[in-house]
Amino acid sequence: MLVDAFGRRITNLRISVTSRCNLNCFYCHREGYEAYNELSPEEIAEIARAFKTLGIRKVKITGGEPLIRKDIVEIIEKLPLFDEISMTTNGVFLARLSEELKSAGLSRVNVSLDTLDPEKYRVMTRGGKIERVLEGIETAVSTGLTPVKINMVLVENFNTDEIDDMVEFAKRYEGKVIVQFIELVNLNYDGQGHFDVDKLRERFEKGARMIKTRDMQRRKQYIFENYAVELVKPVDNTEFCSACNRIRITADGKIKPCLMRNDNLVDVRGLKGESLINAIKKAVMVREPYFRG
């Protein structure tokens, strides 16, 4: 079991397999770190195995855009068994890869989709085509990469008028799609368009048949008859940090204890056995809440 000096148990590992992406969304933080010398599938598997022996239960593959890697199916295949292996993707290449990813061991996907309007999508992604993403979501649902979580970053005066539309979109899939309304993380943008997701709490609390508090960062999930909604408020949120149960691996093999910091990275590339285990434990002990009460 991995527990940091603040008593936070770490059960979730996020592995960035690339910083590259085929889109260029203005708010993207690429897990807070740019990497250019990417880990091989074998190196990723080695690190994942070490974390599993230390109690990690869930793994999420992230980027950049993970599906841009030609060996992404091999990466999933080489991972050890976890309670869940998920992936965050922009969905552009998802339709043609869903079946292979499912067969390789992927459990489900998060798909970034900030709007249902093709022109808004083109503007937000700086050139993307929404049709391919919608096809990817449809294929992921039919393949069983569920629940598919839609990551919708809310931008004031741009897409906040589409909240109802996204809920209606999720309803079509009768519980197989969950919408996450996400507050902008101020890492590499100028702060324009910030929207406080707390404004939505009362609205979803009223109609929900059940409200769950997830272990991960104490997020609230509002469950309705045929869909569910989560509100993600990661900015200046002491509760988010105090309940954080995740740790990150950068695409070039460094442990990143906190999304918001790059001054405490621990390089584990090339390490094996006891040396790797000790480096992981070292990274956990330098981990601390970015926002404190």
C-alpha atoms as a PDB file:
ATOM      1  CA  MET A   1       0.000   0.000   0.000  1.00  0.00           C
ATOM      2  CA  LEU A   2       1.252   3.479  -0.893  1.00  0.00           C
ATOM      3  CA  VAL A   3       0.419   6.215   1.628  1.00  0.00           C
ATOM      4  CA  ASP A   4       2.005   9.661   1.547  1.00  0.00           C
ATOM      5  CA  ALA A   5       3.088  11.789   4.494  1.00  0.00           C
ATOM      6  CA  PHE A   6      -0.377  13.362   4.617  1.00  0.00           C
ATOM      7  CA  GLY A   7      -2.149  10.040   5.028  1.00  0.00           C
ATOM      8  CA  ARG A   8      -3.474   9.905   1.465  1.00  0.00           C
ATOM      9  CA  ARG A   9      -3.634   6.378   0.094  1.00  0.00           C
ATOM     10  CA  ILE A  10      -2.645   6.125  -3.582  1.00  0.00           C
ATOM     11  CA  THR A  11      -4.677   3.621  -5.588  1.00  0.00           C
ATOM     12  CA  ASN A  12      -4.767   5.179  -9.079  1.00  0.00           C
ATOM     13  CA  LEU A  13      -1.920   5.555 -11.563  1.00  0.00           C
ATOM     14  CA  ARG A  14      -2.056   7.796 -14.633  1.00  0.00           C
ATOM     15  CA  ILE A  15       0.474   6.943 -17.328  1.00  0.00           C
ATOM     16  CA  SER A  16       1.072   9.532 -20.027  1.00  0.00           C
ATOM     17  CA  VAL A  17       2.287   7.685 -23.114  1.00  0.00           C
ATOM     18  CA  THR A  18       2.870  10.813 -25.214  1.00  0.00           C
ATOM     19  CA  SER A  19       2.707  14.602 -25.116  1.00  0.00           C
ATOM     20  CA  ARG A  20       1.870  14.688 -28.826  1.00  0.00           C
ATOM     21  CA  CYS A  21      -1.659  15.323 -30.076  1.00  0.00           C
ATOM     22  CA  ASN A  22      -3.465  15.653 -33.381  1.00  0.00           C
ATOM     23  CA  LEU A  23      -5.602  18.493 -31.973  1.00  0.00           C
ATOM     24  CA  ASN A  24      -4.621  21.766 -30.320  1.00  0.00           C
ATOM     25  CA  CYS A  25      -7.201  22.693 -27.676  1.00  0.00           C
ATOM     26  CA  PHE A  26      -6.292  25.992 -26.013  1.00  0.00           C
ATOM     27  CA  TYR A  27      -6.728  24.738 -22.453  1.00  0.00           C
ATOM     28  CA  CYS A  28      -4.842  21.419 -22.772  1.00  0.00           C
ATOM     29  CA  HIS A  29      -2.229  20.918 -20.051  1.00  0.00           C
ATOM     30  CA  ARG A  30      -0.847  17.529 -21.236  1.00  0.00           C
ATOM     31  CA  GLU A  31      -0.739  16.336 -17.639  1.00  0.00           C
ATOM     32  CA  GLY A  32       1.311  19.417 -16.743  1.00  0.00           C
ATOM     33  CA  TYR A  33       4.474  18.232 -18.475  1.00  0.00           C
ATOM     34  CA  GLU A  34       5.936  18.050 -21.994  1.00  0.00           C
ATOM     35  CA  ALA A  35       7.941  14.916 -22.838  1.00  0.00           C
ATOM     36  CA  TYR A  36       9.696  13.996 -26.069  1.00  0.00           C
ATOM     37  CA  ASN A  37      11.599  10.731 -25.495  1.00  0.00           C
ATOM     38  CA  GLU A  38       8.661   8.392 -25.012  1.00  0.00           C
ATOM     39  CA  LEU A  39       8.738   5.179 -22.998  1.00  0.00           C
ATOM     40  CA  SER A  40       8.520   1.892 -24.885  1.00  0.00           C
ATOM     41  CA  PRO A  41       5.678  -0.582 -24.213  1.00  0.00           C
ATOM     42  CA  GLU A  42       8.142  -2.763 -22.257  1.00  0.00           C
ATOM     43  CA  GLU A  43       9.267   0.171 -20.084  1.00  0.00           C
ATOM     44  CA  ILE A  44       5.660   1.168 -19.389  1.00  0.00           C
ATOM     45  CA  ALA A  45       4.817  -2.412 -18.387  1.00  0.00           C
ATOM     46  CA  GLU A  46       7.834  -2.615 -16.061  1.00  0.00           C
ATOM     47  CA  ILE A  47       6.784   0.523 -14.197  1.00  0.00           C
ATOM     48  CA  ALA A  48       3.131  -0.575 -14.067  1.00  0.00           C
ATOM     49  CA  ARG A  49       4.084  -3.965 -12.585  1.00  0.00           C
ATOM     50  CA  ALA A  50       6.036  -2.263  -9.813  1.00  0.00           C
ATOM     51  CA  PHE A  51       3.116  -0.007  -8.952  1.00  0.00           C
ATOM     52  CA  LYS A  52       0.770  -2.994  -8.910  1.00  0.00           C
ATOM     53  CA  THR A  53       2.893  -4.773  -6.302  1.00  0.00           C
ATOM     54  CA  LEU A  54       2.546  -1.637  -4.169  1.00  0.00           C
ATOM     55  CA  GLY A  55      -1.253  -1.648  -4.236  1.00  0.00           C
ATOM     56  CA  ILE A  56      -2.265   0.356  -7.310  1.00  0.00           C
ATOM     57  CA  ARG A  57      -5.698  -0.884  -8.434  1.00  0.00           C
ATOM     58  CA  LYS A  58      -6.569   1.310 -11.411  1.00  0.00           C
ATOM     59  CA  VAL A  59      -4.548   2.649 -14.331  1.00  0.00           C
ATOM     60  CA  LYS A  60      -5.488   5.385 -16.771  1.00  0.00           C
ATOM     61  CA  ILE A  61      -3.575   5.851 -20.028  1.00  0.00           C
ATOM     62  CA  THR A  62      -3.323   9.529 -20.982  1.00  0.00           C
ATOM     63  CA  GLY A  63      -1.479  11.907 -23.301  1.00  0.00           C
ATOM     64  CA  GLY A  64      -1.374  14.151 -25.247  1.00  0.00           C
ATOM     65  CA  GLU A  65      -3.469  11.832 -27.344  1.00  0.00           C
ATOM     66  CA  PRO A  66      -2.678   8.169 -26.577  1.00  0.00           C
ATOM     67  CA  LEU A  67      -4.168   6.858 -29.821  1.00  0.00           C
ATOM     68  CA  ILE A  68      -1.591   8.788 -31.818  1.00  0.00           C
ATOM     69  CA  ARG A  69       0.933   6.099 -30.836  1.00  0.00           C
ATOM     70  CA  LYS A  70       1.100   3.309 -33.403  1.00  0.00           C
ATOM     71  CA  ASP A  71       1.895   0.806 -30.638  1.00  0.00           C
ATOM     72  CA  ILE A  72      -0.967   1.797 -28.318  1.00  0.00           C
ATOM     73  CA  VAL A  73      -2.643  -1.636 -28.557  1.00  0.00           C
ATOM     74  CA  GLU A  74       0.660  -3.301 -27.649  1.00  0.00           C
ATOM     75  CA  ILE A  75       1.005  -0.958 -24.667  1.00  0.00           C
ATOM     76  CA  ILE A  76      -2.388  -2.059 -23.339  1.00  0.00           C
ATOM     77  CA  GLU A  77      -1.622  -5.734 -24.014  1.00  0.00           C
ATOM     78  CA  LYS A  78       1.625  -5.637 -22.037  1.00  0.00           C
ATOM     79  CA  LEU A  79       0.120  -4.073 -18.906  1.00  0.00           C
ATOM     80  CA  PRO A  80      -0.486  -6.378 -15.944  1.00  0.00           C
ATOM     81  CA  LEU A  81      -4.065  -6.989 -14.846  1.00  0.00           C
ATOM     82  CA  PHE A  82      -5.613  -4.207 -12.764  1.00  0.00           C
ATOM     83  CA  ASP A  83      -9.138  -3.687 -11.453  1.00  0.00           C
ATOM     84  CA  GLU A  84      -9.550  -1.233 -14.317  1.00  0.00           C
ATOM     85  CA  ILE A  85      -7.478   0.019 -17.240  1.00  0.00           C
ATOM     86  CA  SER A  86      -9.016   3.113 -18.802  1.00  0.00           C
ATOM     87  CA  MET A  87      -7.912   5.750 -21.290  1.00  0.00           C
ATOM     88  CA  THR A  88      -8.507   9.429 -21.893  1.00  0.00           C
ATOM     89  CA  THR A  89      -8.729  10.243 -25.611  1.00  0.00           C
ATOM     90  CA  ASN A  90     -10.050  12.936 -27.917  1.00  0.00           C
ATOM     91  CA  GLY A  91     -11.869  10.151 -29.751  1.00  0.00           C
ATOM     92  CA  VAL A  92     -10.727  10.989 -33.280  1.00  0.00           C
ATOM     93  CA  PHE A  93      -9.164   7.557 -33.850  1.00  0.00           C
ATOM     94  CA  LEU A  94     -11.423   5.651 -31.480  1.00  0.00           C
ATOM     95  CA  ALA A  95     -13.841   4.163 -34.006  1.00  0.00           C
ATOM     96  CA  ARG A  96     -11.161   2.166 -35.833  1.00  0.00           C
ATOM     97  CA  LEU A  97      -9.342   1.053 -32.660  1.00  0.00           C
ATOM     98  CA  SER A  98     -12.133   0.303 -30.149  1.00  0.00           C
ATOM     99  CA  GLU A  99     -12.367  -3.427 -30.800  1.00  0.00           C
ATOM    100  CA  GLU A 100      -8.591  -3.956 -30.687  1.00  0.00           C
ATOM    101  CA  LEU A 101      -8.294  -1.940 -27.487  1.00  0.00           C
ATOM    102  CA  LYS A 102     -11.104  -3.883 -25.830  1.00  0.00           C
ATOM    103  CA  SER A 103      -9.509  -7.203 -26.828  1.00  0.00           C
ATOM    104  CA  ALA A 104      -6.131  -5.993 -25.519  1.00  0.00           C
ATOM    105  CA  GLY A 105      -7.587  -5.367 -22.055  1.00  0.00           C
ATOM    106  CA  LEU A 106      -8.875  -1.790 -22.019  1.00  0.00           C
ATOM    107  CA  SER A 107     -11.907  -1.458 -19.724  1.00  0.00           C
ATOM    108  CA  ARG A 108     -13.400   1.878 -20.751  1.00  0.00           C
ATOM    109  CA  VAL A 109     -12.641   5.349 -22.137  1.00  0.00           C
ATOM    110  CA  ASN A 110     -12.983   9.014 -21.277  1.00  0.00           C
ATOM    111  CA  VAL A 111     -13.621  11.089 -24.402  1.00  0.00           C
ATOM    112  CA  SER A 112     -12.939  14.826 -24.527  1.00  0.00           C
ATOM    113  CA  LEU A 113     -15.948  16.534 -26.085  1.00  0.00           C
ATOM    114  CA  ASP A 114     -16.560  20.152 -25.104  1.00  0.00           C
ATOM    115  CA  THR A 115     -19.374  20.916 -27.530  1.00  0.00           C
ATOM    116  CA  LEU A 116     -21.843  19.214 -29.854  1.00  0.00           C
ATOM    117  CA  ASP A 117     -21.661  22.044 -32.376  1.00  0.00           C
ATOM    118  CA  PRO A 118     -19.329  21.226 -35.317  1.00  0.00           C
ATOM    119  CA  GLU A 119     -18.156  24.817 -35.779  1.00  0.00           C
ATOM    120  CA  LYS A 120     -17.524  25.370 -32.072  1.00  0.00           C
ATOM    121  CA  TYR A 121     -15.623  22.085 -32.001  1.00  0.00           C
ATOM    122  CA  ARG A 122     -13.467  23.209 -34.920  1.00  0.00           C
ATOM    123  CA  VAL A 123     -12.683  26.474 -33.096  1.00  0.00           C
ATOM    124  CA  MET A 124     -11.986  24.868 -29.725  1.00  0.00           C
ATOM    125  CA  THR A 125      -9.734  22.151 -31.128  1.00  0.00           C
ATOM    126  CA  ARG A 126      -8.266  24.425 -33.804  1.00  0.00           C
ATOM    127  CA  GLY A 127      -9.321  22.300 -36.730  1.00  0.00           C
ATOM    128  CA  GLY A 128     -10.915  19.098 -35.433  1.00  0.00           C
ATOM    129  CA  LYS A 129     -13.899  17.342 -37.028  1.00  0.00           C
ATOM    130  CA  ILE A 130     -16.580  16.407 -34.528  1.00  0.00           C
ATOM    131  CA  GLU A 131     -18.092  13.696 -36.719  1.00  0.00           C
ATOM    132  CA  ARG A 132     -15.149  11.388 -36.090  1.00  0.00           C
ATOM    133  CA  VAL A 133     -15.451  11.853 -32.324  1.00  0.00           C
ATOM    134  CA  LEU A 134     -19.176  11.104 -32.311  1.00  0.00           C
ATOM    135  CA  GLU A 135     -18.507   7.974 -34.358  1.00  0.00           C
ATOM    136  CA  GLY A 136     -15.812   7.006 -31.863  1.00  0.00           C
ATOM    137  CA  ILE A 137     -18.203   7.346 -28.925  1.00  0.00           C
ATOM    138  CA  GLU A 138     -20.823   5.268 -30.717  1.00  0.00           C
ATOM    139  CA  THR A 139     -18.274   2.541 -31.459  1.00  0.00           C
ATOM    140  CA  ALA A 140     -16.882   2.574 -27.917  1.00  0.00           C
ATOM    141  CA  VAL A 141     -20.373   2.059 -26.487  1.00  0.00           C
ATOM    142  CA  SER A 142     -21.175  -0.780 -28.873  1.00  0.00           C
ATOM    143  CA  THR A 143     -17.782  -2.402 -28.210  1.00  0.00           C
ATOM    144  CA  GLY A 144     -18.300  -2.304 -24.440  1.00  0.00           C
ATOM    145  CA  LEU A 145     -15.701   0.300 -23.446  1.00  0.00           C
ATOM    146  CA  THR A 146     -18.231   1.550 -20.939  1.00  0.00           C
ATOM    147  CA  PRO A 147     -19.185   3.567 -19.138  1.00  0.00           C
ATOM    148  CA  VAL A 148     -17.886   6.107 -21.634  1.00  0.00           C
ATOM    149  CA  LYS A 149     -17.168   9.313 -19.732  1.00  0.00           C
ATOM    150  CA  ILE A 150     -17.553  12.546 -21.679  1.00  0.00           C
ATOM    151  CA  ASN A 151     -15.088  15.175 -20.455  1.00  0.00           C
ATOM    152  CA  MET A 152     -16.692  18.569 -21.126  1.00  0.00           C
ATOM    153  CA  VAL A 153     -14.513  21.514 -20.085  1.00  0.00           C
ATOM    154  CA  LEU A 154     -16.841  24.432 -19.461  1.00  0.00           C
ATOM    155  CA  VAL A 155     -15.895  27.822 -20.901  1.00  0.00           C
ATOM    156  CA  GLU A 156     -18.045  30.810 -19.986  1.00  0.00           C
ATOM    157  CA  ASN A 157     -19.802  32.440 -22.957  1.00  0.00           C
ATOM    158  CA  PHE A 158     -18.654  29.683 -25.275  1.00  0.00           C
ATOM    159  CA  ASN A 159     -20.175  26.300 -24.419  1.00  0.00           C
ATOM    160  CA  THR A 160     -21.998  26.805 -21.104  1.00  0.00           C
ATOM    161  CA  ASP A 161     -25.230  27.139 -23.081  1.00  0.00           C
ATOM    162  CA  GLU A 162     -24.830  23.493 -24.147  1.00  0.00           C
ATOM    163  CA  ILE A 163     -25.022  21.872 -20.710  1.00  0.00           C
ATOM    164  CA  ASP A 164     -28.594  20.684 -21.318  1.00  0.00           C
ATOM    165  CA  ASP A 165     -27.671  19.480 -24.798  1.00  0.00           C
ATOM    166  CA  MET A 166     -24.843  17.337 -23.411  1.00  0.00           C
ATOM    167  CA  VAL A 167     -27.161  15.838 -20.804  1.00  0.00           C
ATOM    168  CA  GLU A 168     -29.658  14.952 -23.533  1.00  0.00           C
ATOM    169  CA  PHE A 169     -26.813  13.421 -25.561  1.00  0.00           C
ATOM    170  CA  ALA A 170     -25.903  11.175 -22.615  1.00  0.00           C
ATOM    171  CA  LYS A 171     -29.508  10.096 -22.103  1.00  0.00           C
ATOM    172  CA  ARG A 172     -29.542   8.458 -25.519  1.00  0.00           C
ATOM    173  CA  TYR A 173     -27.122   5.819 -24.292  1.00  0.00           C
ATOM    174  CA  GLU A 174     -29.247   4.767 -21.298  1.00  0.00           C
ATOM    175  CA  GLY A 175     -26.607   4.748 -18.582  1.00  0.00           C
ATOM    176  CA  LYS A 176     -23.621   3.798 -20.728  1.00  0.00           C
ATOM    177  CA  VAL A 177     -22.430   7.421 -20.956  1.00  0.00           C
ATOM    178  CA  ILE A 178     -21.537   9.657 -17.996  1.00  0.00           C
ATOM    179  CA  VAL A 179     -20.960  13.402 -18.432  1.00  0.00           C
ATOM    180  CA  GLN A 180     -18.178  15.093 -16.473  1.00  0.00           C
ATOM    181  CA  PHE A 181     -18.520  18.878 -16.392  1.00  0.00           C
ATOM    182  CA  ILE A 182     -14.983  20.091 -15.740  1.00  0.00           C
ATOM    183  CA  GLU A 183     -13.740  23.425 -14.490  1.00  0.00           C
ATOM    184  CA  LEU A 184     -10.799  24.916 -16.375  1.00  0.00           C
ATOM    185  CA  VAL A 185      -7.398  24.214 -14.829  1.00  0.00           C
ATOM    186  CA  ASN A 186      -5.265  27.351 -14.912  1.00  0.00           C
ATOM    187  CA  LEU A 187      -1.984  25.859 -16.114  1.00  0.00           C
ATOM    188  CA  ASN A 188      -1.322  27.319 -19.552  1.00  0.00           C
ATOM    189  CA  TYR A 189      -4.136  29.654 -20.495  1.00  0.00           C
ATOM    190  CA  ASP A 190      -4.886  33.298 -19.635  1.00  0.00           C
ATOM    191  CA  GLY A 191      -7.900  32.679 -17.404  1.00  0.00           C
ATOM    192  CA  GLN A 192     -10.478  34.000 -19.827  1.00  0.00           C
ATOM    193  CA  GLY A 193     -13.758  32.101 -19.819  1.00  0.00           C
ATOM    194  CA  HIS A 194     -13.482  30.573 -16.356  1.00  0.00           C
ATOM    195  CA  PHE A 195     -16.754  29.028 -15.170  1.00  0.00           C
ATOM    196  CA  ASP A 196     -17.351  27.874 -11.588  1.00  0.00           C
ATOM    197  CA  VAL A 197     -18.912  24.396 -11.727  1.00  0.00           C
ATOM    198  CA  ASP A 198     -20.337  24.931  -8.226  1.00  0.00           C
ATOM    199  CA  LYS A 199     -23.056  26.908  -9.988  1.00  0.00           C
ATOM    200  CA  LEU A 200     -24.437  23.586 -11.238  1.00  0.00           C
ATOM    201  CA  ARG A 201     -24.595  21.738  -7.923  1.00  0.00           C
ATOM    202  CA  GLU A 202     -28.071  22.803  -6.805  1.00  0.00           C
ATOM    203  CA  ARG A 203     -29.493  22.095 -10.227  1.00  0.00           C
ATOM    204  CA  PHE A 204     -28.318  18.474 -10.311  1.00  0.00           C
ATOM    205  CA  GLU A 205     -28.967  17.825  -6.624  1.00  0.00           C
ATOM    206  CA  LYS A 206     -32.685  18.558  -7.096  1.00  0.00           C
ATOM    207  CA  GLY A 207     -33.468  15.837  -9.620  1.00  0.00           C
ATOM    208  CA  ALA A 208     -30.922  13.128  -8.779  1.00  0.00           C
ATOM    209  CA  ARG A 209     -32.263   9.837  -7.453  1.00  0.00           C
ATOM    210  CA  MET A 210     -28.889   9.191  -5.837  1.00  0.00           C
ATOM    211  CA  ILE A 211     -25.778  11.247  -5.040  1.00  0.00           C
ATOM    212  CA  LYS A 212     -22.519   9.345  -4.653  1.00  0.00           C
ATOM    213  CA  THR A 213     -19.297  10.762  -3.295  1.00  0.00           C
ATOM    214  CA  ARG A 214     -16.454   9.096  -5.137  1.00  0.00           C
ATOM    215  CA  ASP A 215     -13.230   8.195  -3.352  1.00  0.00           C
ATOM    216  CA  MET A 216     -11.247  10.011  -6.030  1.00  0.00           C
ATOM    217  CA  GLN A 217     -10.911  13.598  -4.839  1.00  0.00           C
ATOM    218  CA  ARG A 218     -14.365  13.442  -3.187  1.00  0.00           C
ATOM    219  CA  ARG A 219     -16.168  14.118  -6.456  1.00  0.00           C
ATOM    220  CA  LYS A 220     -19.953  14.130  -6.426  1.00  0.00           C
ATOM    221  CA  GLN A 221     -21.736  11.938  -8.952  1.00  0.00           C
ATOM    222  CA  TYR A 222     -25.413  12.695  -9.565  1.00  0.00           C
ATOM    223  CA  ILE A 223     -27.284   9.609 -10.738  1.00  0.00           C
ATOM    224  CA  PHE A 224     -30.537   9.851 -12.672  1.00  0.00           C
ATOM    225  CA  GLU A 225     -32.719   7.189 -14.289  1.00  0.00           C
ATOM    226  CA  ASN A 226     -30.768   6.809 -17.527  1.00  0.00           C
ATOM    227  CA  TYR A 227     -27.641   8.923 -17.137  1.00  0.00           C
ATOM    228  CA  ALA A 228     -25.181  10.304 -14.586  1.00  0.00           C
ATOM    229  CA  VAL A 229     -23.318  13.586 -14.178  1.00  0.00           C
ATOM    230  CA  GLU A 230     -20.105  14.445 -12.315  1.00  0.00           C
ATOM    231  CA  LEU A 231     -18.812  17.896 -11.424  1.00  0.00           C
ATOM    232  CA  VAL A 232     -15.038  18.253 -11.424  1.00  0.00           C
ATOM    233  CA  LYS A 233     -13.651  21.275  -9.639  1.00  0.00           C
ATOM    234  CA  PRO A 234      -9.862  20.942  -9.531  1.00  0.00           C
ATOM    235  CA  VAL A 235      -8.899  24.616  -9.141  1.00  0.00           C
ATOM    236  CA  ASP A 236      -8.090  25.985  -5.663  1.00  0.00           C
ATOM    237  CA  ASN A 237      -9.957  23.079  -4.139  1.00  0.00           C
ATOM    238  CA  THR A 238      -8.605  21.836  -0.808  1.00  0.00           C
ATOM    239  CA  GLU A 239     -11.057  18.921  -0.720  1.00  0.00           C
ATOM    240  CA  PHE A 240      -9.865  17.821  -4.175  1.00  0.00           C
ATOM    241  CA  CYS A 241      -6.250  17.779  -3.001  1.00  0.00           C
ATOM    242  CA  SER A 242      -6.865  16.307   0.444  1.00  0.00           C
ATOM    243  CA  ALA A 243      -8.586  13.278  -1.098  1.00  0.00           C
ATOM    244  CA  CYS A 244      -6.282  12.880  -4.129  1.00  0.00           C
ATOM    245  CA  ASN A 245      -5.503   9.201  -4.664  1.00  0.00           C
ATOM    246  CA  ARG A 246      -3.604   9.385  -7.962  1.00  0.00           C
ATOM    247  CA  ILE A 247      -0.006   9.673  -9.064  1.00  0.00           C
ATOM    248  CA  ARG A 248       1.380  10.216 -12.561  1.00  0.00           C
ATOM    249  CA  ILE A 249       4.056   8.854 -14.862  1.00  0.00           C
ATOM    250  CA  THR A 250       5.294  11.199 -17.578  1.00  0.00           C
ATOM    251  CA  ALA A 251       5.798   9.984 -21.130  1.00  0.00           C
ATOM    252  CA  ASP A 252       9.587  10.015 -20.641  1.00  0.00           C
ATOM    253  CA  GLY A 253       9.552   7.986 -17.423  1.00  0.00           C
ATOM    254  CA  LYS A 254       9.351  10.359 -14.478  1.00  0.00           C
ATOM    255  CA  ILE A 255       7.012  10.027 -11.528  1.00  0.00           C
ATOM    256  CA  LYS A 256       5.007  13.239 -11.201  1.00  0.00           C
ATOM    257  CA  PRO A 257       3.557  13.366  -7.683  1.00  0.00           C
ATOM    258  CA  CYS A 258       1.326  16.395  -8.395  1.00  0.00           C
ATOM    259  CA  LEU A 259      -0.280  17.698 -11.581  1.00  0.00           C
ATOM    260  CA  MET A 260       0.455  21.298 -10.609  1.00  0.00           C
ATOM    261  CA  ARG A 261       4.194  20.905  -9.926  1.00  0.00           C
ATOM    262  CA  ASN A 262       7.328  19.973 -11.843  1.00  0.00           C
ATOM    263  CA  ASP A 263       9.914  20.612  -9.134  1.00  0.00           C
ATOM    264  CA  ASN A 264       9.627  17.231  -7.422  1.00  0.00           C
ATOM    265  CA  LEU A 265       9.799  14.726 -10.294  1.00  0.00           C
ATOM    266  CA  VAL A 266      11.507  11.367  -9.718  1.00  0.00           C
ATOM    267  CA  ASP A 267      13.126   9.721 -12.741  1.00  0.00           C
ATOM    268  CA  VAL A 268      12.474   5.956 -12.832  1.00  0.00           C
ATOM    269  CA  ARG A 269      13.383   5.214 -16.427  1.00  0.00           C
ATOM    270  CA  GLY A 270      15.662   2.194 -16.629  1.00  0.00           C
ATOM    271  CA  LEU A 271      15.126   1.179 -13.017  1.00  0.00           C
ATOM    272  CA  LYS A 272      14.023  -2.333 -12.114  1.00  0.00           C
ATOM    273  CA  GLY A 273      13.348  -4.457  -9.059  1.00  0.00           C
ATOM    274  CA  GLU A 274      14.159  -2.982  -5.671  1.00  0.00           C
ATOM    275  CA  SER A 275      15.618   0.207  -7.180  1.00  0.00           C
ATOM    276  CA  LEU A 276      12.321   0.934  -8.923  1.00  0.00           C
ATOM    277  CA  ILE A 277      10.280   0.146  -5.814  1.00  0.00           C
ATOM    278  CA  ASN A 278      12.452   2.475  -3.706  1.00  0.00           C
ATOM    279  CA  ALA A 279      12.164   5.283  -6.253  1.00  0.00           C
ATOM    280  CA  ILE A 280       8.373   4.960  -6.230  1.00  0.00           C
ATOM    281  CA  LYS A 281       8.324   5.135  -2.430  1.00  0.00           C
ATOM    282  CA  LYS A 282      10.570   8.208  -2.557  1.00  0.00           C
ATOM    283  CA  ALA A 283       8.184   9.925  -4.975  1.00  0.00           C
ATOM    284  CA  VAL A 284       5.224   9.157  -2.740  1.00  0.00           C
ATOM    285  CA  MET A 285       6.936  10.698   0.289  1.00  0.00           C
ATOM    286  CA  VAL A 286       7.584  14.025  -1.489  1.00  0.00           C
ATOM    287  CA  ARG A 287       3.896  14.199  -2.452  1.00  0.00           C
ATOM    288  CA  GLU A 288       1.883  16.936  -0.747  1.00  0.00           C
ATOM    289  CA  PRO A 289      -1.420  18.763  -1.325  1.00  0.00           C
ATOM    290  CA  TYR A 290      -1.010  21.708  -3.692  1.00  0.00           C
ATOM    291  CA  PHE A 291      -3.970  23.522  -2.111  1.00  0.00           C
ATOM    292  CA  ARG A 292      -4.319  23.275   1.658  1.00  0.00           C
ATOM    293  CA  GLY A 293      -7.063  24.332   4.001  1.00  0.00           C
END
